[in-house]
Amino acid sequence: MRVRPQPPTGAGSPGTRRVRHAEVLRLHGAGASVSGIARHLDLDRKTVRCWLRRDEPPNWAKPARPRLIDPYRPYLDQRWSEGCRNAAALARELDRLGARINLGRPSSSSEAAGGTPGPGPPTPPHEVTENQASALVDRTG
């Protein structure tokens, strides 16, 4: 049975990938076979072949996706530099600017400031029937 060596910490990191890619190229330049390189570096043969066709290792990082707030970033940066640290006030300003961002249910403090009212008083718990109570007792005891 073949025991695989433990990969170094951060084996999937771009820096480690660059080092392994350079090693693949070095070994291939020294005349090692694809299978030999794969065994030596504990890589799949297809990975070795793929890396030999490339000038650099693959970059699997996903590009940053645009966010709904991106068009308002300069405004938010300006307000932050002016000293505004109140998230609720910034959210209201963004809403006035036309940002359609889901900011969640307003808290009671924002309701007092003119926000939408929250739900009514909590509903009282329903009464437990005799059958439900006996079922609970049977399960726990």
N, C-alpha and C. Protein backbone atom coordinates (compact mmCIF):
# COMPACT_ATOMS: atom_id res chain seq x y z
N MET A 1 0.84 -1.19 0.00
CA MET A 1 0.00 0.00 0.00
C MET A 1 0.88 1.24 0.00
N ARG A 2 0.54 2.16 -0.87
CA ARG A 2 1.32 3.39 -1.00
C ARG A 2 0.78 4.44 -0.05
N VAL A 3 1.64 5.06 0.73
CA VAL A 3 1.23 6.09 1.67
C VAL A 3 1.54 7.44 1.03
N ARG A 4 0.51 8.27 0.94
CA ARG A 4 0.70 9.60 0.34
C ARG A 4 1.25 10.56 1.38
N PRO A 5 2.21 11.38 0.99
CA PRO A 5 2.71 12.38 1.93
C PRO A 5 1.65 13.44 2.19
N GLN A 6 1.65 14.00 3.38
CA GLN A 6 0.71 15.06 3.70
C GLN A 6 1.09 16.32 2.94
N PRO A 7 0.11 16.99 2.30
CA PRO A 7 0.45 18.22 1.59
C PRO A 7 0.82 19.30 2.58
N PRO A 8 1.68 20.22 2.17
CA PRO A 8 2.04 21.31 3.07
C PRO A 8 0.82 22.19 3.33
N THR A 9 0.88 22.93 4.42
CA THR A 9 -0.22 23.83 4.76
C THR A 9 -0.42 24.82 3.64
N GLY A 10 -1.66 25.00 3.23
CA GLY A 10 -1.95 25.92 2.14
C GLY A 10 -1.56 25.38 0.79
N ALA A 11 -1.69 24.05 0.60
CA ALA A 11 -1.25 23.43 -0.65
C ALA A 11 -1.98 23.98 -1.86
N GLY A 12 -3.18 24.49 -1.67
CA GLY A 12 -3.93 25.02 -2.80
C GLY A 12 -3.72 26.50 -3.02
N SER A 13 -2.84 27.11 -2.23
CA SER A 13 -2.64 28.54 -2.36
C SER A 13 -1.89 28.87 -3.66
N PRO A 14 -2.10 30.06 -4.20
CA PRO A 14 -1.43 30.42 -5.46
C PRO A 14 0.09 30.34 -5.38
N GLY A 15 0.68 30.68 -4.23
CA GLY A 15 2.13 30.61 -4.10
C GLY A 15 2.64 29.19 -4.20
N THR A 16 1.98 28.26 -3.51
CA THR A 16 2.36 26.85 -3.56
C THR A 16 2.14 26.29 -4.95
N ARG A 17 1.06 26.71 -5.59
CA ARG A 17 0.77 26.24 -6.94
C ARG A 17 1.86 26.69 -7.91
N ARG A 18 2.33 27.92 -7.73
CA ARG A 18 3.42 28.42 -8.60
C ARG A 18 4.69 27.61 -8.40
N VAL A 19 5.00 27.26 -7.16
CA VAL A 19 6.20 26.48 -6.86
C VAL A 19 6.08 25.09 -7.49
N ARG A 20 4.92 24.47 -7.35
CA ARG A 20 4.72 23.13 -7.93
C ARG A 20 4.75 23.19 -9.46
N HIS A 21 4.20 24.25 -10.04
CA HIS A 21 4.23 24.40 -11.49
C HIS A 21 5.67 24.53 -11.97
N ALA A 22 6.46 25.34 -11.28
CA ALA A 22 7.87 25.50 -11.64
C ALA A 22 8.60 24.16 -11.53
N GLU A 23 8.25 23.37 -10.52
CA GLU A 23 8.88 22.06 -10.36
C GLU A 23 8.48 21.11 -11.50
N VAL A 24 7.23 21.18 -11.93
CA VAL A 24 6.79 20.36 -13.07
C VAL A 24 7.61 20.72 -14.30
N LEU A 25 7.77 22.02 -14.56
CA LEU A 25 8.55 22.45 -15.72
C LEU A 25 10.01 22.05 -15.60
N ARG A 26 10.58 22.16 -14.40
CA ARG A 26 11.98 21.80 -14.19
C ARG A 26 12.20 20.31 -14.43
N LEU A 27 11.33 19.50 -13.86
CA LEU A 27 11.48 18.05 -14.02
C LEU A 27 11.28 17.64 -15.49
N HIS A 28 10.34 18.26 -16.16
CA HIS A 28 10.11 17.94 -17.57
C HIS A 28 11.33 18.35 -18.40
N GLY A 29 11.89 19.51 -18.08
CA GLY A 29 13.10 19.97 -18.78
C GLY A 29 14.28 19.05 -18.53
N ALA A 30 14.29 18.38 -17.39
CA ALA A 30 15.38 17.45 -17.07
C ALA A 30 15.15 16.08 -17.68
N GLY A 31 14.01 15.91 -18.39
CA GLY A 31 13.77 14.66 -19.08
C GLY A 31 12.86 13.68 -18.37
N ALA A 32 12.22 14.10 -17.28
CA ALA A 32 11.32 13.19 -16.56
C ALA A 32 10.04 12.99 -17.37
N SER A 33 9.47 11.81 -17.25
CA SER A 33 8.22 11.51 -17.94
C SER A 33 7.05 12.15 -17.20
N VAL A 34 5.93 12.28 -17.90
CA VAL A 34 4.73 12.84 -17.28
C VAL A 34 4.31 11.98 -16.09
N SER A 35 4.34 10.65 -16.27
CA SER A 35 3.96 9.76 -15.17
C SER A 35 4.92 9.90 -14.00
N GLY A 36 6.20 10.02 -14.29
CA GLY A 36 7.20 10.17 -13.23
C GLY A 36 7.01 11.46 -12.47
N ILE A 37 6.73 12.55 -13.18
CA ILE A 37 6.49 13.84 -12.53
C ILE A 37 5.23 13.75 -11.65
N ALA A 38 4.20 13.11 -12.20
CA ALA A 38 2.95 12.98 -11.45
C ALA A 38 3.17 12.20 -10.16
N ARG A 39 3.91 11.09 -10.25
CA ARG A 39 4.20 10.30 -9.04
C ARG A 39 5.02 11.10 -8.04
N HIS A 40 6.06 11.77 -8.54
CA HIS A 40 6.97 12.50 -7.66
C HIS A 40 6.26 13.64 -6.91
N LEU A 41 5.37 14.34 -7.61
CA LEU A 41 4.71 15.50 -7.01
C LEU A 41 3.30 15.18 -6.49
N ASP A 42 2.90 13.91 -6.60
CA ASP A 42 1.58 13.48 -6.16
C ASP A 42 0.48 14.28 -6.86
N LEU A 43 0.61 14.38 -8.18
CA LEU A 43 -0.38 15.04 -9.03
C LEU A 43 -0.95 14.02 -9.99
N ASP A 44 -2.07 14.33 -10.56
CA ASP A 44 -2.64 13.48 -11.60
C ASP A 44 -1.88 13.74 -12.91
N ARG A 45 -1.77 12.71 -13.75
CA ARG A 45 -1.06 12.87 -15.03
C ARG A 45 -1.71 13.95 -15.88
N LYS A 46 -3.04 14.02 -15.85
CA LYS A 46 -3.73 15.05 -16.64
C LYS A 46 -3.37 16.45 -16.15
N THR A 47 -3.19 16.60 -14.85
CA THR A 47 -2.78 17.90 -14.31
C THR A 47 -1.40 18.26 -14.80
N VAL A 48 -0.49 17.29 -14.78
CA VAL A 48 0.88 17.54 -15.25
C VAL A 48 0.85 17.94 -16.72
N ARG A 49 0.10 17.21 -17.55
CA ARG A 49 0.01 17.54 -18.98
C ARG A 49 -0.55 18.95 -19.18
N CYS A 50 -1.58 19.27 -18.44
CA CYS A 50 -2.21 20.59 -18.54
C CYS A 50 -1.21 21.68 -18.16
N TRP A 51 -0.48 21.49 -17.06
CA TRP A 51 0.48 22.49 -16.60
C TRP A 51 1.65 22.62 -17.56
N LEU A 52 2.01 21.55 -18.26
CA LEU A 52 3.11 21.64 -19.22
C LEU A 52 2.71 22.48 -20.43
N ARG A 53 1.42 22.58 -20.71
CA ARG A 53 0.96 23.39 -21.83
C ARG A 53 0.83 24.87 -21.46
N ARG A 54 0.97 25.19 -20.20
CA ARG A 54 0.77 26.57 -19.74
C ARG A 54 2.10 27.21 -19.34
N ASP A 55 2.12 28.54 -19.47
CA ASP A 55 3.29 29.29 -19.01
C ASP A 55 3.23 29.56 -17.51
N GLU A 56 2.03 29.48 -16.96
CA GLU A 56 1.86 29.72 -15.53
C GLU A 56 0.77 28.79 -15.00
N PRO A 57 0.74 28.57 -13.70
CA PRO A 57 -0.29 27.67 -13.16
C PRO A 57 -1.67 28.31 -13.29
N PRO A 58 -2.72 27.50 -13.28
CA PRO A 58 -4.06 28.05 -13.42
C PRO A 58 -4.45 28.89 -12.21
N ASN A 59 -5.26 29.87 -12.47
CA ASN A 59 -5.77 30.72 -11.40
C ASN A 59 -7.24 30.39 -11.23
N TRP A 60 -7.60 29.78 -10.11
CA TRP A 60 -8.98 29.37 -9.89
C TRP A 60 -9.77 30.42 -9.13
N ALA A 61 -9.17 31.55 -8.87
CA ALA A 61 -9.90 32.59 -8.15
C ALA A 61 -11.02 33.14 -9.04
N LYS A 62 -12.18 33.28 -8.46
CA LYS A 62 -13.31 33.80 -9.20
C LYS A 62 -13.24 35.33 -9.20
N PRO A 63 -13.58 35.95 -10.31
CA PRO A 63 -13.58 37.41 -10.32
C PRO A 63 -14.67 37.94 -9.40
N ALA A 64 -14.44 39.11 -8.86
CA ALA A 64 -15.41 39.72 -7.96
C ALA A 64 -16.69 40.03 -8.72
N ARG A 65 -17.80 39.65 -8.15
CA ARG A 65 -19.08 39.93 -8.79
C ARG A 65 -19.52 41.34 -8.42
N PRO A 66 -20.19 42.02 -9.34
CA PRO A 66 -20.68 43.35 -8.99
C PRO A 66 -21.75 43.25 -7.91
N ARG A 67 -21.74 44.19 -7.00
CA ARG A 67 -22.71 44.22 -5.91
C ARG A 67 -23.68 45.37 -6.12
N LEU A 68 -24.86 45.24 -5.57
CA LEU A 68 -25.88 46.27 -5.74
C LEU A 68 -25.44 47.63 -5.21
N ILE A 69 -24.56 47.62 -4.24
CA ILE A 69 -24.15 48.86 -3.60
C ILE A 69 -22.99 49.55 -4.34
N ASP A 70 -22.36 48.86 -5.29
CA ASP A 70 -21.20 49.41 -5.99
C ASP A 70 -21.43 50.79 -6.61
N PRO A 71 -22.56 51.06 -7.26
CA PRO A 71 -22.74 52.41 -7.83
C PRO A 71 -22.77 53.52 -6.78
N TYR A 72 -23.04 53.16 -5.54
CA TYR A 72 -23.15 54.15 -4.47
C TYR A 72 -21.89 54.22 -3.61
N ARG A 73 -20.88 53.45 -3.95
CA ARG A 73 -19.64 53.41 -3.16
C ARG A 73 -18.99 54.79 -3.02
N PRO A 74 -18.85 55.59 -4.10
CA PRO A 74 -18.23 56.92 -3.93
C PRO A 74 -19.01 57.81 -2.96
N TYR A 75 -20.35 57.75 -3.04
CA TYR A 75 -21.17 58.54 -2.13
C TYR A 75 -20.95 58.09 -0.68
N LEU A 76 -20.95 56.76 -0.47
CA LEU A 76 -20.74 56.24 0.88
C LEU A 76 -19.35 56.60 1.41
N ASP A 77 -18.34 56.52 0.54
CA ASP A 77 -16.99 56.91 0.96
C ASP A 77 -16.94 58.38 1.36
N GLN A 78 -17.64 59.22 0.59
CA GLN A 78 -17.67 60.65 0.90
C GLN A 78 -18.34 60.89 2.25
N ARG A 79 -19.50 60.26 2.46
CA ARG A 79 -20.22 60.44 3.73
C ARG A 79 -19.40 59.90 4.90
N TRP A 80 -18.67 58.79 4.69
CA TRP A 80 -17.84 58.23 5.74
C TRP A 80 -16.71 59.20 6.10
N SER A 81 -16.11 59.79 5.07
CA SER A 81 -15.02 60.75 5.33
C SER A 81 -15.54 62.01 6.01
N GLU A 82 -16.83 62.31 5.82
CA GLU A 82 -17.44 63.45 6.50
C GLU A 82 -17.78 63.12 7.95
N GLY A 83 -17.61 61.85 8.33
CA GLY A 83 -17.83 61.46 9.72
C GLY A 83 -19.16 60.79 10.00
N CYS A 84 -19.97 60.53 8.97
CA CYS A 84 -21.25 59.87 9.20
C CYS A 84 -21.00 58.38 9.42
N ARG A 85 -21.35 57.89 10.62
CA ARG A 85 -21.16 56.49 10.96
C ARG A 85 -22.50 55.82 11.30
N ASN A 86 -23.60 56.52 11.05
CA ASN A 86 -24.92 56.01 11.37
C ASN A 86 -25.45 55.21 10.19
N ALA A 87 -25.49 53.88 10.34
CA ALA A 87 -25.89 53.01 9.24
C ALA A 87 -27.33 53.26 8.82
N ALA A 88 -28.21 53.52 9.78
CA ALA A 88 -29.61 53.76 9.44
C ALA A 88 -29.76 55.03 8.62
N ALA A 89 -29.03 56.08 8.99
CA ALA A 89 -29.09 57.33 8.24
C ALA A 89 -28.53 57.13 6.83
N LEU A 90 -27.43 56.41 6.72
CA LEU A 90 -26.87 56.14 5.40
C LEU A 90 -27.84 55.32 4.55
N ALA A 91 -28.52 54.37 5.16
CA ALA A 91 -29.49 53.56 4.43
C ALA A 91 -30.63 54.41 3.92
N ARG A 92 -31.12 55.34 4.75
CA ARG A 92 -32.20 56.23 4.30
C ARG A 92 -31.72 57.12 3.16
N GLU A 93 -30.47 57.60 3.24
CA GLU A 93 -29.93 58.43 2.16
C GLU A 93 -29.82 57.63 0.87
N LEU A 94 -29.37 56.39 0.98
CA LEU A 94 -29.28 55.54 -0.21
C LEU A 94 -30.66 55.31 -0.81
N ASP A 95 -31.66 55.12 0.05
CA ASP A 95 -33.02 54.91 -0.43
C ASP A 95 -33.51 56.14 -1.19
N ARG A 96 -33.20 57.35 -0.66
CA ARG A 96 -33.60 58.58 -1.35
C ARG A 96 -32.87 58.72 -2.69
N LEU A 97 -31.66 58.17 -2.79
CA LEU A 97 -30.91 58.23 -4.05
C LEU A 97 -31.39 57.19 -5.06
N GLY A 98 -32.30 56.32 -4.64
CA GLY A 98 -32.85 55.34 -5.56
C GLY A 98 -32.26 53.95 -5.44
N ALA A 99 -31.44 53.73 -4.46
CA ALA A 99 -30.87 52.39 -4.27
C ALA A 99 -31.97 51.46 -3.80
N ARG A 100 -32.16 50.39 -4.47
CA ARG A 100 -33.16 49.40 -4.09
C ARG A 100 -32.45 48.21 -3.45
N ILE A 101 -32.02 48.44 -2.23
CA ILE A 101 -31.25 47.43 -1.50
C ILE A 101 -32.09 46.99 -0.32
N ASN A 102 -32.23 45.69 -0.13
CA ASN A 102 -33.00 45.16 0.98
C ASN A 102 -32.21 45.37 2.26
N LEU A 103 -32.71 46.24 3.10
CA LEU A 103 -32.00 46.56 4.34
C LEU A 103 -32.61 45.87 5.55
N GLY A 104 -33.57 45.02 5.33
CA GLY A 104 -34.18 44.29 6.44
C GLY A 104 -35.25 45.12 7.12
N ARG A 105 -35.85 44.55 8.16
CA ARG A 105 -36.91 45.24 8.91
C ARG A 105 -36.28 46.31 9.78
N PRO A 106 -36.85 47.51 9.79
CA PRO A 106 -36.28 48.56 10.63
C PRO A 106 -36.42 48.24 12.11
N SER A 107 -35.49 48.69 12.90
CA SER A 107 -35.55 48.48 14.34
C SER A 107 -36.52 49.48 14.96
N SER A 108 -36.81 49.31 16.23
CA SER A 108 -37.76 50.20 16.89
C SER A 108 -37.25 51.63 16.92
N SER A 109 -35.93 51.84 16.99
CA SER A 109 -35.40 53.21 17.01
C SER A 109 -35.64 53.90 15.69
N SER A 110 -35.56 53.17 14.58
CA SER A 110 -35.80 53.81 13.30
C SER A 110 -37.29 54.03 13.07
N GLU A 111 -38.14 53.19 13.70
CA GLU A 111 -39.57 53.41 13.61
C GLU A 111 -39.93 54.75 14.24
N ALA A 112 -39.29 55.07 15.36
CA ALA A 112 -39.54 56.34 16.03
C ALA A 112 -39.07 57.50 15.17
N ALA A 113 -38.10 57.25 14.31
CA ALA A 113 -37.56 58.30 13.44
C ALA A 113 -38.37 58.43 12.16
N GLY A 114 -39.50 57.73 12.07
CA GLY A 114 -40.34 57.88 10.88
C GLY A 114 -40.33 56.68 9.98
N GLY A 115 -39.75 55.59 10.42
CA GLY A 115 -39.73 54.38 9.61
C GLY A 115 -41.08 53.69 9.63
N THR A 116 -41.20 52.59 8.97
CA THR A 116 -42.45 51.85 8.96
C THR A 116 -42.65 51.15 10.28
N PRO A 117 -43.88 51.08 10.74
CA PRO A 117 -44.11 50.42 12.03
C PRO A 117 -43.88 48.92 11.92
N GLY A 118 -43.49 48.34 13.02
CA GLY A 118 -43.25 46.90 13.08
C GLY A 118 -44.54 46.14 13.29
N PRO A 119 -44.46 44.84 13.49
CA PRO A 119 -45.67 44.05 13.72
C PRO A 119 -46.28 44.40 15.06
N GLY A 120 -47.52 44.00 15.24
CA GLY A 120 -48.23 44.27 16.49
C GLY A 120 -47.63 43.48 17.64
N PRO A 121 -48.36 43.46 18.78
CA PRO A 121 -47.85 42.74 19.95
C PRO A 121 -47.73 41.25 19.64
N PRO A 122 -46.85 40.56 20.33
CA PRO A 122 -46.68 39.14 20.05
C PRO A 122 -47.95 38.36 20.38
N THR A 123 -48.18 37.32 19.62
CA THR A 123 -49.36 36.50 19.87
C THR A 123 -49.09 35.61 21.08
N PRO A 124 -50.10 35.43 21.91
CA PRO A 124 -49.89 34.57 23.09
C PRO A 124 -49.72 33.12 22.65
N PRO A 125 -48.98 32.34 23.44
CA PRO A 125 -48.79 30.93 23.06
C PRO A 125 -50.14 30.21 23.11
N HIS A 126 -50.32 29.23 22.24
CA HIS A 126 -51.58 28.50 22.24
C HIS A 126 -51.60 27.50 23.40
N GLU A 127 -52.77 27.14 23.79
CA GLU A 127 -52.90 26.21 24.92
C GLU A 127 -52.58 24.79 24.46
N VAL A 128 -51.97 24.04 25.34
CA VAL A 128 -51.61 22.66 25.05
C VAL A 128 -52.76 21.76 25.47
N THR A 129 -53.15 20.89 24.57
CA THR A 129 -54.24 19.96 24.90
C THR A 129 -53.71 18.85 25.81
N GLU A 130 -54.65 18.10 26.40
CA GLU A 130 -54.27 17.00 27.29
C GLU A 130 -53.47 15.94 26.54
N ASN A 131 -53.86 15.63 25.31
CA ASN A 131 -53.13 14.64 24.51
C ASN A 131 -51.70 15.10 24.21
N GLN A 132 -51.54 16.39 23.88
CA GLN A 132 -50.19 16.92 23.60
C GLN A 132 -49.32 16.86 24.85
N ALA A 133 -49.91 17.20 26.00
CA ALA A 133 -49.15 17.18 27.25
C ALA A 133 -48.72 15.76 27.60
N SER A 134 -49.62 14.81 27.43
CA SER A 134 -49.26 13.43 27.77
C SER A 134 -48.20 12.90 26.78
N ALA A 135 -48.27 13.31 25.54
CA ALA A 135 -47.25 12.89 24.56
C ALA A 135 -45.89 13.46 24.94
N LEU A 136 -45.85 14.70 25.42
CA LEU A 136 -44.59 15.30 25.86
C LEU A 136 -44.02 14.56 27.06
N VAL A 137 -44.90 14.23 28.02
CA VAL A 137 -44.46 13.51 29.21
C VAL A 137 -43.93 12.14 28.85
N ASP A 138 -44.62 11.44 27.94
CA ASP A 138 -44.18 10.11 27.52
C ASP A 138 -42.81 10.16 26.85
N ARG A 139 -42.57 11.21 26.04
CA ARG A 139 -41.28 11.30 25.33
C ARG A 139 -40.13 11.64 26.27
N THR A 140 -40.39 12.48 27.28
CA THR A 140 -39.30 12.93 28.15
C THR A 140 -39.10 12.06 29.38
N GLY A 141 -40.05 11.29 29.72
CA GLY A 141 -39.91 10.61 30.98
C GLY A 141 -39.84 9.16 30.89
